[in-house]
Amino acid sequence: LRKSMTVIIHGTFAKDCSWYQPGGDFHKYIRTKVYPDVYSKKSDFFKWSGRYAVTEVGRRRIWRQAAKKLLAWVKAHPATTLRLIAHSHGNTVVNMATEMGMQACTLIQLSPSVRKDILPDMPRVSSDVFFNIHSTIDLIVKIDRGSQTYQGTSVAWAERRRKISWFGHSDSHDPRKWATKKIPAFVRSVCP
């Protein structure tokens, strides 16, 4: 059992991207500047299909399968304190996993495409806080018909927001922007 662990989770279409994987630029930044306990084994780091479906029913099925996979992965890699950093629909996967019973200390959501009916299950987030790091304008989220924040939902009270840039979907996992906007201190304010 690990004392603490941080896991980085990609979004749709990003399974083969390097930024979140051990050795990738964002992963290295998190390991050296934010959370040294970020999961770093190249042999079995968490990833999901990242597939996209045209229908909402198909997309929800993909997210549900990914949430089950995340739940199983976390059970196989237990930690007393768990922090989850997810990008885009990786957050949808995380939210569904909390609905399925996954416990975490905090969630760090990067450019989430918020679905008002797929929310984090806050009784399973022990710090009672989750972070939302996003740009002012995110066309990917707009095209997806999501919201950029949880305002107007039952979990809005737990959301701590920080705008990282004016425009962009991937800026939320850009190490330079994290440094400029002092995101490390912001997210370490809970579950240090």
Protein backbone atom coordinates (compact mmCIF):
# COMPACT_ATOMS: atom_id res chain seq x y z
CA LEU A 1 0.00 0.00 0.00
CA ARG A 2 1.46 3.34 -1.08
CA LYS A 3 1.15 6.31 1.24
CA SER A 4 0.11 8.56 -1.65
CA MET A 5 -0.22 8.42 -5.42
CA THR A 6 -1.09 10.84 -8.20
CA VAL A 7 -2.42 9.52 -11.51
CA ILE A 8 -2.65 11.44 -14.80
CA ILE A 9 -5.53 10.49 -17.12
CA HIS A 10 -5.83 11.48 -20.78
CA GLY A 11 -8.98 12.44 -22.67
CA THR A 12 -10.60 11.48 -25.96
CA PHE A 13 -8.20 10.76 -28.85
CA ALA A 14 -5.17 11.16 -26.54
CA LYS A 15 -4.31 7.54 -25.63
CA ASP A 16 -1.14 7.63 -27.75
CA CYS A 17 -0.08 11.17 -26.84
CA SER A 18 3.11 11.43 -24.83
CA TRP A 19 2.37 14.42 -22.55
CA TYR A 20 0.64 12.37 -19.80
CA GLN A 21 2.77 9.21 -20.04
CA PRO A 22 5.85 8.53 -17.90
CA GLY A 23 8.63 10.52 -19.57
CA GLY A 24 6.20 12.96 -21.25
CA ASP A 25 6.64 16.70 -20.68
CA PHE A 26 3.61 17.20 -18.42
CA HIS A 27 4.27 13.98 -16.51
CA LYS A 28 7.90 15.05 -15.88
CA TYR A 29 6.73 18.48 -14.75
CA ILE A 30 4.21 17.02 -12.30
CA ARG A 31 6.83 14.56 -10.95
CA THR A 32 9.54 17.21 -10.44
CA LYS A 33 7.52 20.32 -9.53
CA VAL A 34 4.18 19.24 -8.09
CA TYR A 35 3.74 15.64 -6.90
CA PRO A 36 6.81 13.37 -6.78
CA ASP A 37 4.46 10.43 -6.20
CA VAL A 38 2.95 10.59 -9.72
CA TYR A 39 2.63 7.04 -11.03
CA SER A 40 5.67 6.53 -13.26
CA LYS A 41 5.95 2.87 -14.24
CA LYS A 42 6.04 2.69 -18.03
CA SER A 43 4.86 -0.91 -18.01
CA ASP A 44 1.35 -0.36 -16.64
CA PHE A 45 0.41 3.32 -16.30
CA PHE A 46 -3.32 3.95 -16.66
CA LYS A 47 -4.78 4.58 -20.11
CA TRP A 48 -8.18 3.99 -21.64
CA SER A 49 -9.30 3.62 -25.25
CA GLY A 50 -9.84 7.37 -25.77
CA ARG A 51 -12.36 6.39 -28.40
CA TYR A 52 -15.09 8.67 -29.68
CA ALA A 53 -18.59 7.63 -30.67
CA VAL A 54 -20.99 9.71 -32.74
CA THR A 55 -24.00 8.98 -30.53
CA GLU A 56 -24.35 10.07 -26.92
CA VAL A 57 -25.29 6.50 -25.96
CA GLY A 58 -22.10 5.20 -27.58
CA ARG A 59 -19.95 7.81 -25.87
CA ARG A 60 -21.43 7.04 -22.46
CA ARG A 61 -20.74 3.35 -23.02
CA ILE A 62 -17.07 4.16 -23.80
CA TRP A 63 -16.78 6.38 -20.70
CA ARG A 64 -18.44 3.77 -18.49
CA GLN A 65 -16.04 1.06 -19.72
CA ALA A 66 -13.11 3.41 -19.04
CA ALA A 67 -14.45 4.24 -15.56
CA LYS A 68 -14.67 0.52 -14.73
CA LYS A 69 -11.11 0.07 -16.00
CA LEU A 70 -9.92 3.01 -13.86
CA LEU A 71 -11.67 1.60 -10.79
CA ALA A 72 -9.97 -1.78 -11.33
CA TRP A 73 -6.59 -0.12 -11.95
CA VAL A 74 -6.83 1.93 -8.75
CA LYS A 75 -7.79 -1.18 -6.76
CA ALA A 76 -4.72 -2.94 -8.16
CA HIS A 77 -2.50 0.04 -7.18
CA PRO A 78 -3.81 0.99 -3.72
CA ALA A 79 -2.77 4.19 -1.98
CA THR A 80 -3.88 5.87 1.24
CA THR A 81 -4.07 9.25 -0.51
CA LEU A 82 -5.08 9.34 -4.18
CA ARG A 83 -5.01 12.42 -6.41
CA LEU A 84 -6.36 12.23 -9.96
CA ILE A 85 -5.32 14.71 -12.65
CA ALA A 86 -7.46 14.29 -15.76
CA HIS A 87 -7.82 16.15 -19.04
CA SER A 88 -10.99 16.73 -21.07
CA HIS A 89 -13.24 13.63 -21.05
CA GLY A 90 -10.73 11.90 -18.79
CA ASN A 91 -12.66 13.92 -16.18
CA THR A 92 -15.93 12.35 -17.31
CA VAL A 93 -14.29 8.95 -16.78
CA VAL A 94 -13.09 10.00 -13.30
CA ASN A 95 -16.52 11.39 -12.35
CA MET A 96 -18.18 8.12 -13.39
CA ALA A 97 -15.57 6.14 -11.44
CA THR A 98 -16.42 8.10 -8.27
CA GLU A 99 -20.09 7.27 -8.89
CA MET A 100 -19.01 3.61 -9.03
CA GLY A 101 -17.30 3.87 -5.65
CA MET A 102 -13.75 5.08 -6.30
CA GLN A 103 -12.35 7.13 -3.41
CA ALA A 104 -9.90 10.01 -3.94
CA CYS A 105 -8.49 12.83 -1.86
CA THR A 106 -8.93 15.38 -4.66
CA LEU A 107 -9.58 15.66 -8.38
CA ILE A 108 -7.63 18.05 -10.59
CA GLN A 109 -9.67 18.60 -13.72
CA LEU A 110 -7.97 20.06 -16.78
CA SER A 111 -10.27 21.51 -19.47
CA PRO A 112 -13.27 19.40 -18.46
CA SER A 113 -16.27 19.13 -20.74
CA VAL A 114 -18.78 19.26 -17.91
CA ARG A 115 -21.94 17.17 -18.20
CA LYS A 116 -24.52 18.30 -15.65
CA ASP A 117 -25.59 14.66 -15.15
CA ILE A 118 -22.07 13.19 -14.73
CA LEU A 119 -20.71 14.87 -11.63
CA PRO A 120 -18.04 13.83 -9.15
CA ASP A 121 -19.57 11.96 -6.22
CA MET A 122 -18.32 14.37 -3.55
CA PRO A 123 -18.78 12.05 -0.53
CA ARG A 124 -16.02 9.97 -2.18
CA VAL A 125 -13.66 12.98 -2.45
CA SER A 126 -12.24 13.18 1.06
CA SER A 127 -10.94 16.78 0.86
CA ASP A 128 -14.37 18.05 -0.29
CA VAL A 129 -12.48 19.97 -3.00
CA PHE A 130 -11.83 19.50 -6.69
CA PHE A 131 -9.97 21.82 -9.04
CA ASN A 132 -10.97 23.04 -12.50
CA ILE A 133 -8.12 24.46 -14.57
CA HIS A 134 -9.35 25.76 -17.92
CA SER A 135 -9.01 28.51 -20.51
CA THR A 136 -11.44 31.39 -20.85
CA ILE A 137 -12.61 30.12 -24.25
CA ASP A 138 -12.40 26.43 -25.13
CA LEU A 139 -13.83 25.65 -28.56
CA ILE A 140 -13.44 21.88 -28.06
CA VAL A 141 -15.74 22.02 -25.04
CA LYS A 142 -18.18 24.28 -26.91
CA ILE A 143 -18.28 21.91 -29.91
CA ASP A 144 -18.83 19.04 -27.47
CA ARG A 145 -21.78 20.98 -25.98
CA GLY A 146 -20.28 20.76 -22.51
CA SER A 147 -19.83 23.47 -19.91
CA GLN A 148 -16.42 24.67 -18.75
CA THR A 149 -17.42 24.91 -15.09
CA TYR A 150 -19.73 23.21 -12.63
CA GLN A 151 -21.68 26.41 -11.89
CA GLY A 152 -25.36 25.63 -11.42
CA THR A 153 -24.75 22.01 -10.37
CA SER A 154 -25.02 20.33 -6.98
CA VAL A 155 -21.19 20.17 -6.67
CA ALA A 156 -20.39 23.81 -7.54
CA TRP A 157 -19.61 24.51 -3.85
CA ALA A 158 -16.58 22.16 -4.03
CA GLU A 159 -15.10 23.52 -7.26
CA ARG A 160 -12.01 25.73 -7.16
CA ARG A 161 -11.38 27.29 -10.56
CA ARG A 162 -8.33 28.81 -12.17
CA LYS A 163 -8.12 30.17 -15.71
CA ILE A 164 -4.82 29.17 -17.28
CA SER A 165 -5.07 30.99 -20.62
CA TRP A 166 -7.35 33.03 -22.81
CA PHE A 167 -7.93 30.39 -25.49
CA GLY A 168 -7.17 26.69 -25.87
CA HIS A 169 -7.98 23.15 -24.83
CA SER A 170 -4.47 21.77 -24.28
CA ASP A 171 -3.08 24.76 -22.38
CA SER A 172 -4.30 23.19 -19.14
CA HIS A 173 -1.53 20.58 -19.38
CA ASP A 174 1.21 22.94 -20.55
CA PRO A 175 4.03 22.98 -17.94
CA ARG A 176 5.02 26.58 -18.76
CA LYS A 177 1.48 27.81 -18.18
CA TRP A 178 1.31 25.83 -14.92
CA ALA A 179 4.46 27.60 -13.74
CA THR A 180 3.33 31.08 -14.89
CA LYS A 181 -0.11 30.76 -13.28
CA LYS A 182 1.28 29.21 -10.06
CA ILE A 183 -0.91 26.12 -10.43
CA PRO A 184 1.35 23.86 -8.30
CA ALA A 185 0.72 25.87 -5.11
CA PHE A 186 -2.97 26.16 -6.01
CA VAL A 187 -3.54 22.39 -6.31
CA ARG A 188 -1.27 21.51 -3.37
CA SER A 189 -3.49 23.60 -1.08
CA VAL A 190 -5.34 20.34 -0.30
CA CYS A 191 -4.05 16.75 -0.13
CA PRO A 192 -0.40 17.90 -0.08
